[in-house]
C-alpha cells in the first residue's frame, strides 16, 4: 500500500489527503512511504510517528541485505519529516538515495525535505532525477510541477 503525505512547507507538517496550513493545495508537496510494507509503515501512515520510528529502527538494525534496508530508510525519512525533524529526515533520505533501491521514491522524499529546508533548486534537481528514474510517476510529476511553479513565482516577484 502506498500512502501519500502532502507537506505544507510553511509548517513542515504532514497530513493525509490535504494540506495542513493555509498554503494552497497547489503548492503542497507529497512524501511517500515505501512500496514494500515493513514493520512501522502502518504506524507512520496513521500518524503514530514515534511508534513507527521505534519499529523501523529495530527493522533497520535487523536488516542484512541492501534491499531489506531500502524501505526502512524511506519510511524513516518520511516519519522524521512528518515530525519536523528535518536534519534526521535528510540523513535517512540521503541513505535511501544511496541505497539504490526504489530511487524514485527516495529522490522524491529527499526533494521534499530539501524544499522544507529552503533549498528549492536542490529540490527541483532531485525531482528531475526522480522523473528520469520513473517517468510518469504522478506524485513525482505533481511535486515537480509545484516546485517549478514556486520557482516561477519567486522569479516573478523579484
Protein backbone atom coordinates (compact mmCIF):
# COMPACT_ATOMS: atom_id res chain seq x y z
CA UNK A 1 0.00 0.00 0.00
CA UNK A 2 1.34 3.43 -0.89
CA UNK A 3 0.30 6.33 1.27
CA UNK A 4 0.98 9.87 0.13
CA UNK A 5 1.63 12.70 2.52
CA UNK A 6 1.08 16.29 1.38
CA UNK A 7 3.59 18.55 3.09
CA UNK A 8 2.69 22.12 3.93
CA UNK A 9 6.03 23.85 3.52
CA UNK A 10 5.26 26.76 5.84
CA UNK A 11 4.92 24.47 8.85
CA UNK A 12 6.76 21.31 7.74
CA UNK A 13 3.78 19.21 8.76
CA UNK A 14 2.21 16.24 7.10
CA UNK A 15 -1.44 15.32 6.78
CA UNK A 16 -3.36 12.69 4.90
CA UNK A 17 -5.07 13.95 1.80
CA UNK A 18 -4.96 17.70 2.38
CA UNK A 19 -2.50 20.45 3.13
CA UNK A 20 -2.40 21.30 6.82
CA UNK A 21 -1.78 25.02 6.72
CA UNK A 22 -3.10 27.97 4.81
CA UNK A 23 -0.84 27.27 1.84
CA UNK A 24 -2.88 26.30 -1.19
CA UNK A 25 -3.02 22.65 -2.12
CA UNK A 26 -1.33 23.58 -5.37
CA UNK A 27 1.92 24.31 -3.51
CA UNK A 28 1.87 21.42 -1.01
CA UNK A 29 4.39 18.69 -1.80
CA UNK A 30 3.88 14.99 -1.14
CA UNK A 31 6.06 12.49 0.70
CA UNK A 32 5.58 8.82 0.02
CA UNK A 33 6.16 5.73 2.13
CA UNK A 34 7.85 2.72 0.57
CA UNK A 35 6.10 0.31 -1.76
CA UNK A 36 7.17 -2.54 0.50
CA UNK A 37 5.47 -2.70 3.86
CA UNK A 38 7.91 -3.19 6.72
CA UNK A 39 7.28 -3.06 10.48
CA UNK A 40 6.40 0.52 11.38
CA UNK A 41 4.97 1.52 7.99
CA UNK A 42 1.34 1.43 9.08
CA UNK A 43 2.18 3.40 12.22
CA UNK A 44 3.84 6.13 10.16
CA UNK A 45 0.91 6.20 7.77
CA UNK A 46 -1.54 6.53 10.65
CA UNK A 47 0.39 9.37 12.29
CA UNK A 48 1.92 7.33 15.13
CA UNK A 49 5.37 8.57 14.16
CA UNK A 50 7.31 7.79 17.36
CA UNK A 51 5.98 4.24 17.49
CA UNK A 52 6.70 3.80 13.79
CA UNK A 53 10.22 5.18 14.17
CA UNK A 54 10.96 2.76 17.02
CA UNK A 55 9.75 -0.18 14.95
CA UNK A 56 11.60 1.00 11.84
CA UNK A 57 14.87 1.50 13.73
CA UNK A 58 14.61 -2.08 15.04
CA UNK A 59 13.94 -3.32 11.50
CA UNK A 60 16.94 -1.37 10.22
CA UNK A 61 19.21 -2.97 12.85
CA UNK A 62 18.00 -6.42 11.80
CA UNK A 63 18.18 -5.85 8.05
CA UNK A 64 21.17 -7.54 6.50
CA UNK A 65 20.55 -7.01 2.78
CA UNK A 66 20.56 -3.68 0.99
CA UNK A 67 17.14 -4.44 -0.44
CA UNK A 68 15.79 -5.00 3.08
CA UNK A 69 17.13 -1.65 4.29
CA UNK A 70 15.69 0.43 1.45
CA UNK A 71 12.02 0.58 2.52
CA UNK A 72 13.02 1.13 6.13
CA UNK A 73 15.22 4.11 5.20
CA UNK A 74 12.46 5.60 3.02
CA UNK A 75 9.92 5.31 5.83
CA UNK A 76 12.30 6.74 8.45
CA UNK A 77 12.79 9.74 6.15
CA UNK A 78 9.02 10.22 5.92
CA UNK A 79 8.43 9.80 9.66
CA UNK A 80 11.10 12.29 10.69
CA UNK A 81 9.96 14.80 8.06
CA UNK A 82 6.41 14.43 9.37
CA UNK A 83 7.65 15.32 12.84
CA UNK A 84 9.57 18.34 11.54
CA UNK A 85 12.91 16.71 12.34
CA UNK A 86 14.40 17.79 9.04
CA UNK A 87 18.07 17.06 9.75
CA UNK A 88 17.31 13.48 10.76
CA UNK A 89 14.92 13.14 7.82
CA UNK A 90 17.62 14.43 5.47
CA UNK A 91 20.07 11.82 6.74
CA UNK A 92 17.64 8.98 6.16
CA UNK A 93 16.61 10.39 2.77
CA UNK A 94 20.27 10.56 1.77
CA UNK A 95 20.82 6.96 2.89
CA UNK A 96 17.72 5.87 0.95
CA UNK A 97 19.03 7.52 -2.22
CA UNK A 98 22.49 5.99 -1.71
CA UNK A 99 20.89 2.59 -1.10
CA UNK A 100 19.91 2.45 -4.76
CA UNK A 101 16.59 0.61 -4.38
CA UNK A 102 13.35 2.40 -5.26
CA UNK A 103 15.24 5.55 -6.20
CA UNK A 104 12.22 7.49 -7.47
CA UNK A 105 10.56 7.48 -4.04
CA UNK A 106 13.90 8.20 -2.34
CA UNK A 107 14.63 11.16 -4.65
CA UNK A 108 11.07 12.44 -4.26
CA UNK A 109 11.21 12.39 -0.46
CA UNK A 110 14.68 13.94 -0.36
CA UNK A 111 13.38 16.68 -2.66
CA UNK A 112 10.50 17.44 -0.28
CA UNK A 113 12.87 17.64 2.69
CA UNK A 114 15.22 19.92 0.73
CA UNK A 115 12.31 22.20 -0.12
CA UNK A 116 11.30 22.29 3.55
CA UNK A 117 14.88 23.24 4.38
CA UNK A 118 14.61 26.14 1.94
CA UNK A 119 16.67 24.73 -0.94
CA UNK A 120 14.21 24.91 -3.83
CA UNK A 121 16.85 24.41 -6.56
CA UNK A 122 18.20 21.23 -4.97
CA UNK A 123 14.62 20.05 -4.55
CA UNK A 124 13.95 20.57 -8.27
CA UNK A 125 17.16 18.72 -9.17
CA UNK A 126 16.07 15.70 -7.11
CA UNK A 127 12.58 15.74 -8.61
CA UNK A 128 14.06 15.83 -12.10
CA UNK A 129 16.21 12.80 -11.20
CA UNK A 130 13.14 11.03 -9.81
CA UNK A 131 11.27 11.79 -13.02
CA UNK A 132 14.08 10.26 -15.10
CA UNK A 133 14.13 7.13 -12.94
CA UNK A 134 10.35 6.75 -13.00
CA UNK A 135 8.82 8.59 -15.96
CA UNK A 136 5.12 9.13 -15.49
CA UNK A 137 5.18 8.79 -11.69
CA UNK A 138 2.25 11.02 -10.75
CA UNK A 139 3.47 12.00 -7.28
CA UNK A 140 6.87 12.97 -8.64
CA UNK A 141 5.30 14.91 -11.51
CA UNK A 142 2.91 16.78 -9.21
CA UNK A 143 5.78 17.69 -6.89
CA UNK A 144 7.96 18.78 -9.80
CA UNK A 145 5.14 20.91 -11.22
CA UNK A 146 4.62 22.52 -7.80
CA UNK A 147 8.33 23.18 -7.31
CA UNK A 148 8.68 24.71 -10.78
CA UNK A 149 5.61 26.83 -10.11
CA UNK A 150 7.13 28.01 -6.83
CA UNK A 151 10.35 28.94 -8.63
CA UNK A 152 8.40 30.84 -11.30
CA UNK A 153 6.52 32.74 -8.59
CA UNK A 154 9.76 33.68 -6.87
CA UNK A 155 11.29 34.85 -10.15
CA UNK A 156 8.23 36.95 -11.00
CA UNK A 157 8.32 38.58 -7.54
CA UNK A 158 11.95 39.67 -7.98
